[in-house]
Amino acid sequence: APVPLPAPAPLMEFQQPQDQLQQQPPPPPPPPEQQQQQSEQPIPPPQQANPTLDLSLSELSHFKDSWDPYEKSDIPVFWHIPKAGGSSIKDSLGGCHRFIQATEFGITDGHDQDTEVAIVYPKIPGVGPEMDRSPFVNIDSTTVAGIQRAKDMGFADAGLADVVVSPFVYEMNDLFTDTAKGRFFSVFRHPIDRAISMFYYIQVADWE
């Protein structure tokens, strides 16, 4: 004979708290004239991090676009990004191609006191005079003060450098002129690899 099932237990009624049952009514909308005043208020423009620095391309008027035709007065500019292979590029430009470079090395050996732009052959520390030296222009394009000095000396229109090396971009615009414009090129590296390389570099680079 079938065994009768026990009767189910009575369900317990869930009592919701009274403070949740009493919901607050939504606030009334503002009057029409106030809504119109709010809609007519102008939206302020976004603030720049540094309002005194204009990063628009108009500030690079002394540089050629890559698609512009090449002219003999154009000066190649190597944008040196730290720890992205830039030192190897400089060694190749000077040691292999024998290009006349404008770098920080041009003002060594007392050439920071020169008053006229010229091609110089600074001494290499620790190397004898019989060693073949690379040519440089006697300016420093790696500092803001050096860029200003080169501008005052008429560096760009002198047309002595085969390539200029600098970590700066917008500051370099003042170095060139309408008759002697720069052309940027660079070498890039993955930012994480570059940060790791910089980390290990500063462990031993006590000269910087």
C-alpha atoms as a PDB file:
ATOM      1  CA  ALA A   1       0.000   0.000   0.000  1.00  0.00           C
ATOM      2  CA  PRO A   2       1.337   3.537  -0.768  1.00  0.00           C
ATOM      3  CA  VAL A   3       2.838   5.389   2.110  1.00  0.00           C
ATOM      4  CA  PRO A   4       1.163   8.777   2.650  1.00  0.00           C
ATOM      5  CA  LEU A   5       3.564  11.774   2.378  1.00  0.00           C
ATOM      6  CA  PRO A   6       3.770  14.146   5.296  1.00  0.00           C
ATOM      7  CA  ALA A   7       2.007  17.471   4.933  1.00  0.00           C
ATOM      8  CA  PRO A   8       4.284  20.354   3.841  1.00  0.00           C
ATOM      9  CA  ALA A   9       5.363  22.814   6.475  1.00  0.00           C
ATOM     10  CA  PRO A  10       3.551  26.131   6.390  1.00  0.00           C
ATOM     11  CA  LEU A  11       5.396  28.919   4.551  1.00  0.00           C
ATOM     12  CA  MET A  12       6.687  31.773   6.672  1.00  0.00           C
ATOM     13  CA  GLU A  13       5.564  35.128   5.476  1.00  0.00           C
ATOM     14  CA  PHE A  14       8.419  37.543   4.748  1.00  0.00           C
ATOM     15  CA  GLN A  15       7.935  40.813   6.515  1.00  0.00           C
ATOM     16  CA  GLN A  16       9.621  43.721   4.700  1.00  0.00           C
ATOM     17  CA  PRO A  17      10.837  46.499   6.988  1.00  0.00           C
ATOM     18  CA  GLN A  18       8.472  49.380   7.233  1.00  0.00           C
ATOM     19  CA  ASP A  19      11.158  51.956   6.360  1.00  0.00           C
ATOM     20  CA  GLN A  20      11.645  50.264   2.985  1.00  0.00           C
ATOM     21  CA  LEU A  21       7.906  50.200   2.293  1.00  0.00           C
ATOM     22  CA  GLN A  22       7.674  53.941   2.748  1.00  0.00           C
ATOM     23  CA  GLN A  23       9.501  55.225  -0.349  1.00  0.00           C
ATOM     24  CA  GLN A  24      10.246  58.869  -0.673  1.00  0.00           C
ATOM     25  CA  PRO A  25       8.499  60.544  -3.617  1.00  0.00           C
ATOM     26  CA  PRO A  26      10.809  61.922  -6.367  1.00  0.00           C
ATOM     27  CA  PRO A  27      11.655  65.639  -6.101  1.00  0.00           C
ATOM     28  CA  PRO A  28       9.561  67.938  -8.258  1.00  0.00           C
ATOM     29  CA  PRO A  29      11.178  69.220 -11.492  1.00  0.00           C
ATOM     30  CA  PRO A  30      12.549  72.779 -11.481  1.00  0.00           C
ATOM     31  CA  PRO A  31      10.348  75.503 -12.930  1.00  0.00           C
ATOM     32  CA  PRO A  32      10.585  76.080 -16.709  1.00  0.00           C
ATOM     33  CA  GLU A  33      12.442  79.395 -16.389  1.00  0.00           C
ATOM     34  CA  GLN A  34      15.158  77.729 -14.266  1.00  0.00           C
ATOM     35  CA  GLN A  35      15.511  74.895 -16.788  1.00  0.00           C
ATOM     36  CA  GLN A  36      15.984  77.449 -19.566  1.00  0.00           C
ATOM     37  CA  GLN A  37      18.661  79.298 -17.586  1.00  0.00           C
ATOM     38  CA  GLN A  38      20.553  76.050 -16.956  1.00  0.00           C
ATOM     39  CA  SER A  39      20.446  75.078 -20.636  1.00  0.00           C
ATOM     40  CA  GLU A  40      21.724  78.502 -21.707  1.00  0.00           C
ATOM     41  CA  GLN A  41      24.836  78.374 -19.501  1.00  0.00           C
ATOM     42  CA  PRO A  42      27.952  77.899 -21.688  1.00  0.00           C
ATOM     43  CA  ILE A  43      30.081  74.800 -21.164  1.00  0.00           C
ATOM     44  CA  PRO A  44      33.575  75.851 -20.060  1.00  0.00           C
ATOM     45  CA  PRO A  45      36.411  74.608 -22.304  1.00  0.00           C
ATOM     46  CA  PRO A  46      38.698  71.874 -20.912  1.00  0.00           C
ATOM     47  CA  GLN A  47      41.694  73.200 -19.037  1.00  0.00           C
ATOM     48  CA  GLN A  48      45.164  72.486 -20.366  1.00  0.00           C
ATOM     49  CA  ALA A  49      47.811  70.999 -18.104  1.00  0.00           C
ATOM     50  CA  ASN A  50      50.189  73.823 -19.038  1.00  0.00           C
ATOM     51  CA  PRO A  51      48.355  76.709 -20.720  1.00  0.00           C
ATOM     52  CA  THR A  52      51.643  78.474 -21.539  1.00  0.00           C
ATOM     53  CA  LEU A  53      52.899  75.612 -23.747  1.00  0.00           C
ATOM     54  CA  ASP A  54      51.316  75.333 -27.180  1.00  0.00           C
ATOM     55  CA  LEU A  55      51.657  71.753 -28.439  1.00  0.00           C
ATOM     56  CA  SER A  56      49.935  72.343 -31.765  1.00  0.00           C
ATOM     57  CA  LEU A  57      51.704  71.601 -35.035  1.00  0.00           C
ATOM     58  CA  SER A  58      51.744  75.313 -35.788  1.00  0.00           C
ATOM     59  CA  GLU A  59      54.589  75.548 -33.268  1.00  0.00           C
ATOM     60  CA  LEU A  60      56.687  73.322 -35.552  1.00  0.00           C
ATOM     61  CA  SER A  61      56.632  75.626 -38.550  1.00  0.00           C
ATOM     62  CA  HIS A  62      60.386  75.311 -39.063  1.00  0.00           C
ATOM     63  CA  PHE A  63      60.131  71.576 -39.734  1.00  0.00           C
ATOM     64  CA  LYS A  64      59.280  69.875 -43.003  1.00  0.00           C
ATOM     65  CA  ASP A  65      56.554  67.261 -43.306  1.00  0.00           C
ATOM     66  CA  SER A  66      57.767  63.857 -44.391  1.00  0.00           C
ATOM     67  CA  TRP A  67      55.892  64.156 -47.701  1.00  0.00           C
ATOM     68  CA  ASP A  68      57.360  67.567 -48.569  1.00  0.00           C
ATOM     69  CA  PRO A  69      59.922  67.557 -51.394  1.00  0.00           C
ATOM     70  CA  TYR A  70      63.534  67.390 -50.266  1.00  0.00           C
ATOM     71  CA  GLU A  71      65.702  70.480 -50.566  1.00  0.00           C
ATOM     72  CA  LYS A  72      69.448  70.788 -50.069  1.00  0.00           C
ATOM     73  CA  SER A  73      68.882  73.272 -47.258  1.00  0.00           C
ATOM     74  CA  ASP A  74      66.902  70.703 -45.223  1.00  0.00           C
ATOM     75  CA  ILE A  75      68.712  69.453 -42.105  1.00  0.00           C
ATOM     76  CA  PRO A  76      68.012  65.931 -40.747  1.00  0.00           C
ATOM     77  CA  VAL A  77      67.217  65.914 -37.017  1.00  0.00           C
ATOM     78  CA  PHE A  78      67.547  62.710 -35.029  1.00  0.00           C
ATOM     79  CA  TRP A  79      65.088  62.800 -32.130  1.00  0.00           C
ATOM     80  CA  HIS A  80      67.072  60.913 -29.493  1.00  0.00           C
ATOM     81  CA  ILE A  81      64.703  59.051 -27.146  1.00  0.00           C
ATOM     82  CA  PRO A  82      66.652  57.780 -24.093  1.00  0.00           C
ATOM     83  CA  LYS A  83      67.321  54.028 -23.976  1.00  0.00           C
ATOM     84  CA  ALA A  84      65.861  53.415 -27.433  1.00  0.00           C
ATOM     85  CA  GLY A  85      69.057  52.669 -29.352  1.00  0.00           C
ATOM     86  CA  GLY A  86      69.986  56.303 -29.929  1.00  0.00           C
ATOM     87  CA  SER A  87      73.641  55.942 -28.954  1.00  0.00           C
ATOM     88  CA  SER A  88      74.098  53.215 -31.566  1.00  0.00           C
ATOM     89  CA  ILE A  89      72.534  55.480 -34.178  1.00  0.00           C
ATOM     90  CA  LYS A  90      74.929  58.309 -33.299  1.00  0.00           C
ATOM     91  CA  ASP A  91      77.916  55.960 -33.479  1.00  0.00           C
ATOM     92  CA  SER A  92      76.763  54.773 -36.894  1.00  0.00           C
ATOM     93  CA  LEU A  93      76.216  58.315 -38.198  1.00  0.00           C
ATOM     94  CA  GLY A  94      79.618  59.546 -37.040  1.00  0.00           C
ATOM     95  CA  GLY A  95      81.858  56.496 -37.047  1.00  0.00           C
ATOM     96  CA  CYS A  96      80.524  54.702 -40.124  1.00  0.00           C
ATOM     97  CA  HIS A  97      79.064  57.425 -42.341  1.00  0.00           C
ATOM     98  CA  ARG A  98      81.397  60.203 -41.153  1.00  0.00           C
ATOM     99  CA  PHE A  99      78.505  62.656 -40.950  1.00  0.00           C
ATOM    100  CA  ILE A 100      79.149  66.052 -39.395  1.00  0.00           C
ATOM    101  CA  GLN A 101      77.036  65.922 -36.260  1.00  0.00           C
ATOM    102  CA  ALA A 102      75.620  68.562 -33.974  1.00  0.00           C
ATOM    103  CA  THR A 103      75.555  66.992 -30.499  1.00  0.00           C
ATOM    104  CA  GLU A 104      76.792  67.748 -26.993  1.00  0.00           C
ATOM    105  CA  PHE A 105      80.271  66.528 -27.996  1.00  0.00           C
ATOM    106  CA  GLY A 106      80.773  69.551 -30.253  1.00  0.00           C
ATOM    107  CA  ILE A 107      81.426  71.908 -27.342  1.00  0.00           C
ATOM    108  CA  THR A 108      84.028  69.737 -25.626  1.00  0.00           C
ATOM    109  CA  ASP A 109      87.731  70.505 -25.762  1.00  0.00           C
ATOM    110  CA  GLY A 110      87.030  74.189 -25.077  1.00  0.00           C
ATOM    111  CA  HIS A 111      84.729  74.817 -28.038  1.00  0.00           C
ATOM    112  CA  ASP A 112      81.943  76.070 -25.801  1.00  0.00           C
ATOM    113  CA  GLN A 113      83.783  79.417 -25.873  1.00  0.00           C
ATOM    114  CA  ASP A 114      83.693  79.737 -29.676  1.00  0.00           C
ATOM    115  CA  THR A 115      81.850  82.786 -30.989  1.00  0.00           C
ATOM    116  CA  GLU A 116      81.354  81.595 -34.583  1.00  0.00           C
ATOM    117  CA  VAL A 117      79.834  78.366 -35.818  1.00  0.00           C
ATOM    118  CA  ALA A 118      82.442  76.007 -37.297  1.00  0.00           C
ATOM    119  CA  ILE A 119      83.377  72.365 -37.859  1.00  0.00           C
ATOM    120  CA  VAL A 120      85.677  71.054 -35.147  1.00  0.00           C
ATOM    121  CA  TYR A 121      87.434  67.787 -34.262  1.00  0.00           C
ATOM    122  CA  PRO A 122      87.389  67.562 -30.449  1.00  0.00           C
ATOM    123  CA  LYS A 123      89.827  65.332 -28.659  1.00  0.00           C
ATOM    124  CA  ILE A 124      88.467  62.005 -27.465  1.00  0.00           C
ATOM    125  CA  PRO A 125      89.249  61.401 -23.759  1.00  0.00           C
ATOM    126  CA  GLY A 126      91.691  58.535 -23.311  1.00  0.00           C
ATOM    127  CA  VAL A 127      92.537  58.302 -27.011  1.00  0.00           C
ATOM    128  CA  GLY A 128      95.831  59.394 -28.543  1.00  0.00           C
ATOM    129  CA  PRO A 129      96.140  62.160 -31.144  1.00  0.00           C
ATOM    130  CA  GLU A 130      96.795  59.632 -33.902  1.00  0.00           C
ATOM    131  CA  MET A 131      93.216  58.376 -33.586  1.00  0.00           C
ATOM    132  CA  ASP A 132      90.917  59.492 -36.391  1.00  0.00           C
ATOM    133  CA  ARG A 133      88.414  61.947 -34.933  1.00  0.00           C
ATOM    134  CA  SER A 134      84.835  62.466 -36.060  1.00  0.00           C
ATOM    135  CA  PRO A 135      83.736  65.942 -37.184  1.00  0.00           C
ATOM    136  CA  PHE A 136      81.253  67.967 -35.142  1.00  0.00           C
ATOM    137  CA  VAL A 137      79.724  71.422 -35.207  1.00  0.00           C
ATOM    138  CA  ASN A 138      80.752  73.481 -32.182  1.00  0.00           C
ATOM    139  CA  ILE A 139      77.253  73.730 -30.692  1.00  0.00           C
ATOM    140  CA  ASP A 140      75.258  71.703 -28.151  1.00  0.00           C
ATOM    141  CA  SER A 141      71.803  70.741 -29.408  1.00  0.00           C
ATOM    142  CA  THR A 142      70.960  68.591 -26.381  1.00  0.00           C
ATOM    143  CA  THR A 143      70.178  71.418 -23.934  1.00  0.00           C
ATOM    144  CA  VAL A 144      67.844  74.404 -24.119  1.00  0.00           C
ATOM    145  CA  ALA A 145      70.700  76.800 -23.391  1.00  0.00           C
ATOM    146  CA  GLY A 146      72.800  75.169 -26.099  1.00  0.00           C
ATOM    147  CA  ILE A 147      69.977  75.467 -28.621  1.00  0.00           C
ATOM    148  CA  GLN A 148      69.662  79.181 -27.855  1.00  0.00           C
ATOM    149  CA  ARG A 149      73.419  79.651 -28.254  1.00  0.00           C
ATOM    150  CA  ALA A 150      73.374  77.837 -31.601  1.00  0.00           C
ATOM    151  CA  LYS A 151      70.501  80.028 -32.766  1.00  0.00           C
ATOM    152  CA  ASP A 152      72.376  83.183 -31.815  1.00  0.00           C
ATOM    153  CA  MET A 153      75.407  81.917 -33.757  1.00  0.00           C
ATOM    154  CA  GLY A 154      73.326  81.392 -36.924  1.00  0.00           C
ATOM    155  CA  PHE A 155      73.727  77.611 -36.912  1.00  0.00           C
ATOM    156  CA  ALA A 156      70.922  76.621 -39.286  1.00  0.00           C
ATOM    157  CA  ASP A 157      71.704  78.943 -42.191  1.00  0.00           C
ATOM    158  CA  ALA A 158      75.409  78.095 -41.943  1.00  0.00           C
ATOM    159  CA  GLY A 159      74.569  74.661 -43.362  1.00  0.00           C
ATOM    160  CA  LEU A 160      77.524  72.885 -41.749  1.00  0.00           C
ATOM    161  CA  ALA A 161      75.808  69.938 -40.056  1.00  0.00           C
ATOM    162  CA  ASP A 162      74.802  66.747 -41.824  1.00  0.00           C
ATOM    163  CA  VAL A 163      72.575  65.758 -38.893  1.00  0.00           C
ATOM    164  CA  VAL A 164      71.436  67.285 -35.602  1.00  0.00           C
ATOM    165  CA  VAL A 165      70.845  65.134 -32.504  1.00  0.00           C
ATOM    166  CA  SER A 166      68.526  66.291 -29.731  1.00  0.00           C
ATOM    167  CA  PRO A 167      66.020  64.935 -27.184  1.00  0.00           C
ATOM    168  CA  PHE A 168      63.865  68.054 -27.669  1.00  0.00           C
ATOM    169  CA  VAL A 169      61.102  68.678 -30.218  1.00  0.00           C
ATOM    170  CA  TYR A 170      59.329  72.014 -29.749  1.00  0.00           C
ATOM    171  CA  GLU A 171      62.443  73.717 -28.422  1.00  0.00           C
ATOM    172  CA  MET A 172      64.276  72.758 -31.622  1.00  0.00           C
ATOM    173  CA  ASN A 173      61.842  74.730 -33.766  1.00  0.00           C
ATOM    174  CA  ASP A 174      63.594  77.991 -32.831  1.00  0.00           C
ATOM    175  CA  LEU A 175      66.937  76.594 -33.972  1.00  0.00           C
ATOM    176  CA  PHE A 176      65.867  76.436 -37.620  1.00  0.00           C
ATOM    177  CA  THR A 177      64.628  79.112 -40.016  1.00  0.00           C
ATOM    178  CA  ASP A 178      62.303  79.443 -42.987  1.00  0.00           C
ATOM    179  CA  THR A 179      65.278  78.979 -45.320  1.00  0.00           C
ATOM    180  CA  ALA A 180      66.832  76.054 -43.418  1.00  0.00           C
ATOM    181  CA  LYS A 181      64.212  73.696 -42.017  1.00  0.00           C
ATOM    182  CA  GLY A 182      64.618  70.466 -40.088  1.00  0.00           C
ATOM    183  CA  ARG A 183      63.390  66.965 -40.896  1.00  0.00           C
ATOM    184  CA  PHE A 184      62.724  64.629 -37.978  1.00  0.00           C
ATOM    185  CA  PHE A 185      63.557  60.933 -37.829  1.00  0.00           C
ATOM    186  CA  SER A 186      63.788  58.678 -34.786  1.00  0.00           C
ATOM    187  CA  VAL A 187      64.014  55.151 -33.402  1.00  0.00           C
ATOM    188  CA  PHE A 188      61.317  53.885 -31.035  1.00  0.00           C
ATOM    189  CA  ARG A 189      61.298  51.110 -28.468  1.00  0.00           C
ATOM    190  CA  HIS A 190      58.578  49.392 -26.464  1.00  0.00           C
ATOM    191  CA  PRO A 191      58.025  51.596 -23.384  1.00  0.00           C
ATOM    192  CA  ILE A 192      58.278  48.702 -20.915  1.00  0.00           C
ATOM    193  CA  ASP A 193      61.561  47.505 -22.420  1.00  0.00           C
ATOM    194  CA  ARG A 194      62.819  51.076 -22.347  1.00  0.00           C
ATOM    195  CA  ALA A 195      61.874  51.480 -18.668  1.00  0.00           C
ATOM    196  CA  ILE A 196      63.634  48.221 -17.748  1.00  0.00           C
ATOM    197  CA  SER A 197      66.742  49.320 -19.632  1.00  0.00           C
ATOM    198  CA  MET A 198      66.688  52.690 -17.878  1.00  0.00           C
ATOM    199  CA  PHE A 199      66.328  50.983 -14.480  1.00  0.00           C
ATOM    200  CA  TYR A 200      69.474  48.896 -14.966  1.00  0.00           C
ATOM    201  CA  TYR A 201      71.317  51.787 -16.589  1.00  0.00           C
ATOM    202  CA  ILE A 202      70.959  54.147 -13.625  1.00  0.00           C
ATOM    203  CA  GLN A 203      72.347  51.437 -11.323  1.00  0.00           C
ATOM    204  CA  VAL A 204      75.783  51.935 -12.902  1.00  0.00           C
ATOM    205  CA  ALA A 205      75.604  55.344 -14.617  1.00  0.00           C
ATOM    206  CA  ASP A 206      77.079  57.393 -11.782  1.00  0.00           C
ATOM    207  CA  TRP A 207      78.228  59.970 -14.346  1.00  0.00           C
ATOM    208  CA  GLU A 208      74.656  61.187 -14.877  1.00  0.00           C
END
